[in-house]
All heavy atoms as atom14 arrays in JSON, in Angstrom:
{
  "sequence": "YCAASFQAIVRVATAEHYDYWGQGTQVTVS",
  "atom14_mask": [
    [1, 1, 1, 1, 1, 1, 1, 1, 1, 1, 1, 1, 0, 0],
    [1, 1, 1, 1, 1, 1, 0, 0, 0, 0, 0, 0, 0, 0],
    [1, 1, 1, 1, 1, 0, 0, 0, 0, 0, 0, 0, 0, 0],
    [1, 1, 1, 1, 1, 0, 0, 0, 0, 0, 0, 0, 0, 0],
    [1, 1, 1, 1, 1, 1, 0, 0, 0, 0, 0, 0, 0, 0],
    [1, 1, 1, 1, 1, 1, 1, 1, 1, 1, 1, 0, 0, 0],
    [1, 1, 1, 1, 1, 1, 1, 1, 1, 0, 0, 0, 0, 0],
    [1, 1, 1, 1, 1, 0, 0, 0, 0, 0, 0, 0, 0, 0],
    [1, 1, 1, 1, 1, 1, 1, 1, 0, 0, 0, 0, 0, 0],
    [1, 1, 1, 1, 1, 1, 1, 0, 0, 0, 0, 0, 0, 0],
    [1, 1, 1, 1, 1, 1, 1, 1, 1, 1, 1, 0, 0, 0],
    [1, 1, 1, 1, 1, 1, 1, 0, 0, 0, 0, 0, 0, 0],
    [1, 1, 1, 1, 1, 0, 0, 0, 0, 0, 0, 0, 0, 0],
    [1, 1, 1, 1, 1, 1, 1, 0, 0, 0, 0, 0, 0, 0],
    [1, 1, 1, 1, 1, 0, 0, 0, 0, 0, 0, 0, 0, 0],
    [1, 1, 1, 1, 1, 1, 1, 1, 1, 0, 0, 0, 0, 0],
    [1, 1, 1, 1, 1, 1, 1, 1, 1, 1, 0, 0, 0, 0],
    [1, 1, 1, 1, 1, 1, 1, 1, 1, 1, 1, 1, 0, 0],
    [1, 1, 1, 1, 1, 1, 1, 1, 0, 0, 0, 0, 0, 0],
    [1, 1, 1, 1, 1, 1, 1, 1, 1, 1, 1, 1, 0, 0],
    [1, 1, 1, 1, 1, 1, 1, 1, 1, 1, 1, 1, 1, 1],
    [1, 1, 1, 1, 0, 0, 0, 0, 0, 0, 0, 0, 0, 0],
    [1, 1, 1, 1, 1, 1, 1, 1, 1, 0, 0, 0, 0, 0],
    [1, 1, 1, 1, 0, 0, 0, 0, 0, 0, 0, 0, 0, 0],
    [1, 1, 1, 1, 1, 1, 1, 0, 0, 0, 0, 0, 0, 0],
    [1, 1, 1, 1, 1, 1, 1, 1, 1, 0, 0, 0, 0, 0],
    [1, 1, 1, 1, 1, 1, 1, 0, 0, 0, 0, 0, 0, 0],
    [1, 1, 1, 1, 1, 1, 1, 0, 0, 0, 0, 0, 0, 0],
    [1, 1, 1, 1, 1, 1, 1, 0, 0, 0, 0, 0, 0, 0],
    [1, 1, 1, 1, 1, 1, 0, 0, 0, 0, 0, 0, 0, 0]
  ],
  "atom14_positions": [
    [[46.9, -133.7, -20.15], [46.74, -134.04, -18.71], [47.79, -135.07, -18.32], [47.94, -136.05, -19.08], [45.3, -134.54, -18.35], [44.12, -133.51, -18.6], [43.5, -133.49, -19.78], [43.91, -132.56, -17.55], [42.42, -132.56, -19.95], [42.9, -131.81, -17.6], [42.17, -131.64, -18.91], [41.22, -130.82, -18.97], [0.0, 0.0, 0.0], [0.0, 0.0, 0.0]],
    [[48.37, -134.86, -17.27], [49.29, -135.83, -16.56], [48.43, -136.67, -15.58], [47.51, -136.17, -14.98], [50.26, -135.08, -15.84], [51.37, -135.97, -14.65], [0.0, 0.0, 0.0], [0.0, 0.0, 0.0], [0.0, 0.0, 0.0], [0.0, 0.0, 0.0], [0.0, 0.0, 0.0], [0.0, 0.0, 0.0], [0.0, 0.0, 0.0], [0.0, 0.0, 0.0]],
    [[48.7, -138.01, -15.54], [47.94, -138.85, -14.62], [48.95, -139.99, -14.03], [49.92, -140.21, -14.66], [46.89, -139.58, -15.49], [0.0, 0.0, 0.0], [0.0, 0.0, 0.0], [0.0, 0.0, 0.0], [0.0, 0.0, 0.0], [0.0, 0.0, 0.0], [0.0, 0.0, 0.0], [0.0, 0.0, 0.0], [0.0, 0.0, 0.0], [0.0, 0.0, 0.0]],
    [[48.5, -140.44, -12.87], [49.32, -141.38, -12.11], [48.37, -142.58, -11.71], [47.3, -142.25, -11.26], [49.95, -140.7, -10.88], [0.0, 0.0, 0.0], [0.0, 0.0, 0.0], [0.0, 0.0, 0.0], [0.0, 0.0, 0.0], [0.0, 0.0, 0.0], [0.0, 0.0, 0.0], [0.0, 0.0, 0.0], [0.0, 0.0, 0.0], [0.0, 0.0, 0.0]],
    [[48.97, -143.73, -11.78], [48.26, -145.0, -11.52], [48.92, -145.85, -10.45], [50.12, -146.01, -10.65], [48.03, -145.79, -12.79], [47.43, -147.01, -12.49], [0.0, 0.0, 0.0], [0.0, 0.0, 0.0], [0.0, 0.0, 0.0], [0.0, 0.0, 0.0], [0.0, 0.0, 0.0], [0.0, 0.0, 0.0], [0.0, 0.0, 0.0], [0.0, 0.0, 0.0]],
    [[48.24, -146.38, -9.49], [48.83, -147.36, -8.64], [49.13, -148.68, -9.25], [50.02, -149.32, -8.76], [47.75, -147.82, -7.57], [47.36, -146.58, -6.55], [46.04, -146.31, -6.33], [48.32, -145.93, -5.84], [45.68, -145.22, -5.36], [48.08, -144.83, -4.98], [46.7, -144.61, -4.8], [0.0, 0.0, 0.0], [0.0, 0.0, 0.0], [0.0, 0.0, 0.0]],
    [[48.52, -148.96, -10.4], [48.73, -150.29, -10.99], [50.02, -150.35, -11.78], [50.38, -149.25, -12.37], [47.49, -150.61, -11.85], [46.17, -150.7, -11.09], [45.04, -151.06, -12.18], [45.09, -152.04, -12.76], [44.0, -150.1, -12.09], [0.0, 0.0, 0.0], [0.0, 0.0, 0.0], [0.0, 0.0, 0.0], [0.0, 0.0, 0.0], [0.0, 0.0, 0.0]],
    [[50.6, -151.48, -11.88], [51.86, -151.54, -12.48], [51.74, -151.76, -13.98], [52.73, -151.56, -14.76], [52.69, -152.67, -11.92], [0.0, 0.0, 0.0], [0.0, 0.0, 0.0], [0.0, 0.0, 0.0], [0.0, 0.0, 0.0], [0.0, 0.0, 0.0], [0.0, 0.0, 0.0], [0.0, 0.0, 0.0], [0.0, 0.0, 0.0], [0.0, 0.0, 0.0]],
    [[50.56, -152.16, -14.49], [50.39, -152.38, -15.9], [50.46, -151.08, -16.82], [49.84, -150.12, -16.37], [49.08, -153.17, -16.21], [49.02, -154.49, -15.41], [48.74, -153.34, -17.67], [47.6, -155.18, -15.41], [0.0, 0.0, 0.0], [0.0, 0.0, 0.0], [0.0, 0.0, 0.0], [0.0, 0.0, 0.0], [0.0, 0.0, 0.0], [0.0, 0.0, 0.0]],
    [[51.27, -151.21, -17.8], [51.4, -150.0, -18.66], [50.54, -149.91, -19.88], [50.02, -148.84, -20.24], [52.91, -149.88, -19.17], [53.15, -148.72, -20.11], [53.82, -149.8, -17.93], [0.0, 0.0, 0.0], [0.0, 0.0, 0.0], [0.0, 0.0, 0.0], [0.0, 0.0, 0.0], [0.0, 0.0, 0.0], [0.0, 0.0, 0.0], [0.0, 0.0, 0.0]],
    [[50.22, -151.05, -20.55], [49.53, -151.14, -21.75], [48.07, -151.12, -21.52], [47.34, -152.2, -21.92], [49.96, -152.3, -22.54], [51.34, -152.22, -23.0], [51.87, -153.35, -23.8], [53.28, -153.19, -24.17], [53.68, -152.55, -25.27], [52.86, -152.01, -26.1], [54.95, -152.49, -25.42], [0.0, 0.0, 0.0], [0.0, 0.0, 0.0], [0.0, 0.0, 0.0]],
    [[47.44, -150.1, -20.77], [46.09, -149.89, -20.66], [45.81, -148.51, -20.92], [46.28, -147.57, -20.34], [45.66, -150.14, -19.21], [44.13, -149.9, -19.04], [46.03, -151.7, -18.74], [0.0, 0.0, 0.0], [0.0, 0.0, 0.0], [0.0, 0.0, 0.0], [0.0, 0.0, 0.0], [0.0, 0.0, 0.0], [0.0, 0.0, 0.0], [0.0, 0.0, 0.0]],
    [[44.92, -148.15, -21.96], [44.73, -146.85, -22.5], [43.37, -146.24, -22.0], [42.81, -145.5, -22.73], [44.77, -146.9, -23.95], [0.0, 0.0, 0.0], [0.0, 0.0, 0.0], [0.0, 0.0, 0.0], [0.0, 0.0, 0.0], [0.0, 0.0, 0.0], [0.0, 0.0, 0.0], [0.0, 0.0, 0.0], [0.0, 0.0, 0.0], [0.0, 0.0, 0.0]],
    [[42.97, -146.5, -20.79], [41.81, -145.88, -20.29], [41.93, -145.01, -19.11], [42.84, -145.22, -18.22], [40.82, -147.1, -19.88], [41.3, -147.79, -18.81], [40.42, -147.96, -21.0], [0.0, 0.0, 0.0], [0.0, 0.0, 0.0], [0.0, 0.0, 0.0], [0.0, 0.0, 0.0], [0.0, 0.0, 0.0], [0.0, 0.0, 0.0], [0.0, 0.0, 0.0]],
    [[41.16, -144.0, -19.03], [41.31, -143.12, -17.94], [41.0, -143.55, -16.53], [41.52, -143.3, -15.57], [40.41, -141.81, -18.12], [0.0, 0.0, 0.0], [0.0, 0.0, 0.0], [0.0, 0.0, 0.0], [0.0, 0.0, 0.0], [0.0, 0.0, 0.0], [0.0, 0.0, 0.0], [0.0, 0.0, 0.0], [0.0, 0.0, 0.0], [0.0, 0.0, 0.0]],
    [[40.11, -144.7, -16.61], [39.64, -145.39, -15.35], [40.87, -146.12, -14.68], [40.83, -146.34, -13.48], [38.64, -146.39, -15.62], [37.16, -145.78, -15.99], [37.18, -145.34, -17.44], [38.12, -145.62, -18.21], [36.11, -144.8, -17.79], [0.0, 0.0, 0.0], [0.0, 0.0, 0.0], [0.0, 0.0, 0.0], [0.0, 0.0, 0.0], [0.0, 0.0, 0.0]],
    [[41.94, -146.28, -15.47], [43.12, -146.9, -14.9], [43.96, -145.99, -13.99], [44.83, -146.53, -13.24], [43.98, -147.43, -16.11], [45.19, -148.11, -15.75], [45.26, -149.37, -15.13], [46.57, -147.78, -15.97], [46.55, -149.72, -15.02], [47.35, -148.78, -15.54], [0.0, 0.0, 0.0], [0.0, 0.0, 0.0], [0.0, 0.0, 0.0], [0.0, 0.0, 0.0]],
    [[43.74, -144.71, -14.09], [44.56, -143.68, -13.45], [43.87, -143.2, -12.2], [42.65, -142.87, -12.27], [44.94, -142.65, -14.38], [45.96, -143.27, -15.34], [45.6, -143.9, -16.42], [47.32, -143.04, -15.12], [46.48, -144.41, -17.37], [48.15, -143.65, -16.01], [47.77, -144.38, -17.15], [48.76, -144.88, -17.87], [0.0, 0.0, 0.0], [0.0, 0.0, 0.0]],
    [[44.61, -142.87, -11.1], [44.06, -142.43, -9.78], [44.21, -141.0, -9.61], [43.38, -140.31, -8.83], [44.74, -143.19, -8.7], [44.56, -144.63, -8.89], [43.52, -145.24, -8.65], [45.65, -145.44, -9.31], [0.0, 0.0, 0.0], [0.0, 0.0, 0.0], [0.0, 0.0, 0.0], [0.0, 0.0, 0.0], [0.0, 0.0, 0.0], [0.0, 0.0, 0.0]],
    [[45.21, -140.35, -10.05], [45.45, -138.94, -9.79], [45.71, -138.21, -11.19], [46.27, -138.77, -12.11], [46.62, -138.68, -9.02], [46.6, -139.37, -7.55], [47.37, -140.55, -7.34], [45.62, -138.94, -6.68], [47.18, -141.21, -6.07], [45.57, -139.53, -5.44], [46.28, -140.6, -5.13], [46.14, -141.23, -3.83], [0.0, 0.0, 0.0], [0.0, 0.0, 0.0]],
    [[45.21, -136.92, -11.19], [45.31, -136.05, -12.39], [45.77, -134.66, -12.08], [45.56, -134.16, -11.08], [43.91, -135.95, -12.99], [43.4, -137.28, -13.51], [42.76, -138.26, -12.76], [43.46, -137.8, -14.86], [42.41, -139.36, -13.49], [42.84, -139.11, -14.79], [43.99, -137.41, -16.01], [42.72, -139.9, -15.92], [43.93, -138.11, -17.18], [43.3, -139.36, -17.13]],
    [[46.52, -134.18, -13.11], [46.87, -132.68, -13.08], [45.77, -131.83, -13.64], [44.65, -132.32, -13.97], [0.0, 0.0, 0.0], [0.0, 0.0, 0.0], [0.0, 0.0, 0.0], [0.0, 0.0, 0.0], [0.0, 0.0, 0.0], [0.0, 0.0, 0.0], [0.0, 0.0, 0.0], [0.0, 0.0, 0.0], [0.0, 0.0, 0.0], [0.0, 0.0, 0.0]],
    [[46.05, -130.5, -13.58], [45.1, -129.56, -14.0], [45.06, -129.36, -15.53], [44.09, -128.78, -16.04], [45.38, -128.2, -13.33], [46.37, -127.37, -14.03], [47.87, -127.88, -13.93], [48.05, -128.74, -13.25], [48.72, -127.24, -14.62], [0.0, 0.0, 0.0], [0.0, 0.0, 0.0], [0.0, 0.0, 0.0], [0.0, 0.0, 0.0], [0.0, 0.0, 0.0]],
    [[46.08, -129.83, -16.21], [46.06, -129.76, -17.75], [46.8, -128.54, -18.21], [46.98, -127.51, -17.47], [0.0, 0.0, 0.0], [0.0, 0.0, 0.0], [0.0, 0.0, 0.0], [0.0, 0.0, 0.0], [0.0, 0.0, 0.0], [0.0, 0.0, 0.0], [0.0, 0.0, 0.0], [0.0, 0.0, 0.0], [0.0, 0.0, 0.0], [0.0, 0.0, 0.0]],
    [[47.41, -128.67, -19.39], [48.12, -127.58, -19.93], [47.65, -127.59, -21.55], [47.62, -128.6, -22.21], [49.65, -127.64, -19.91], [50.3, -126.46, -20.48], [50.13, -128.91, -20.66], [0.0, 0.0, 0.0], [0.0, 0.0, 0.0], [0.0, 0.0, 0.0], [0.0, 0.0, 0.0], [0.0, 0.0, 0.0], [0.0, 0.0, 0.0], [0.0, 0.0, 0.0]],
    [[47.44, -126.29, -22.05], [46.77, -126.25, -23.38], [48.03, -126.27, -24.54], [49.0, -125.59, -24.25], [46.06, -124.87, -23.6], [45.65, -124.61, -24.87], [44.49, -125.46, -25.29], [43.54, -125.62, -24.54], [44.49, -126.05, -26.52], [0.0, 0.0, 0.0], [0.0, 0.0, 0.0], [0.0, 0.0, 0.0], [0.0, 0.0, 0.0], [0.0, 0.0, 0.0]],
    [[47.82, -127.17, -25.43], [48.6, -127.15, -26.57], [47.81, -126.85, -27.79], [46.81, -127.43, -28.13], [49.26, -128.62, -26.79], [50.05, -128.71, -28.21], [50.16, -128.97, -25.65], [0.0, 0.0, 0.0], [0.0, 0.0, 0.0], [0.0, 0.0, 0.0], [0.0, 0.0, 0.0], [0.0, 0.0, 0.0], [0.0, 0.0, 0.0], [0.0, 0.0, 0.0]],
    [[48.32, -125.83, -28.56], [47.61, -125.35, -29.73], [48.53, -125.36, -30.95], [49.6, -124.88, -30.84], [47.12, -123.92, -29.57], [46.14, -123.89, -28.48], [46.22, -123.47, -30.88], [0.0, 0.0, 0.0], [0.0, 0.0, 0.0], [0.0, 0.0, 0.0], [0.0, 0.0, 0.0], [0.0, 0.0, 0.0], [0.0, 0.0, 0.0], [0.0, 0.0, 0.0]],
    [[48.17, -126.15, -31.98], [49.04, -126.25, -33.23], [48.27, -125.66, -34.31], [47.2, -125.99, -34.74], [49.3, -127.81, -33.44], [50.28, -127.87, -34.67], [49.8, -128.36, -32.35], [0.0, 0.0, 0.0], [0.0, 0.0, 0.0], [0.0, 0.0, 0.0], [0.0, 0.0, 0.0], [0.0, 0.0, 0.0], [0.0, 0.0, 0.0], [0.0, 0.0, 0.0]],
    [[48.91, -124.65, -34.95], [48.29, -123.91, -35.89], [48.67, -124.53, -37.37], [49.66, -125.08, -37.41], [48.63, -122.43, -35.95], [50.09, -122.17, -36.1], [0.0, 0.0, 0.0], [0.0, 0.0, 0.0], [0.0, 0.0, 0.0], [0.0, 0.0, 0.0], [0.0, 0.0, 0.0], [0.0, 0.0, 0.0], [0.0, 0.0, 0.0], [0.0, 0.0, 0.0]]
  ]
}
């Protein structure tokens, strides 16, 4: 999933930090 945040801080690894989300794309590694 792609996500966008209003906040300028980069080193935050939580979903709550992000305001907008894409629909997702499947990656499968065999």
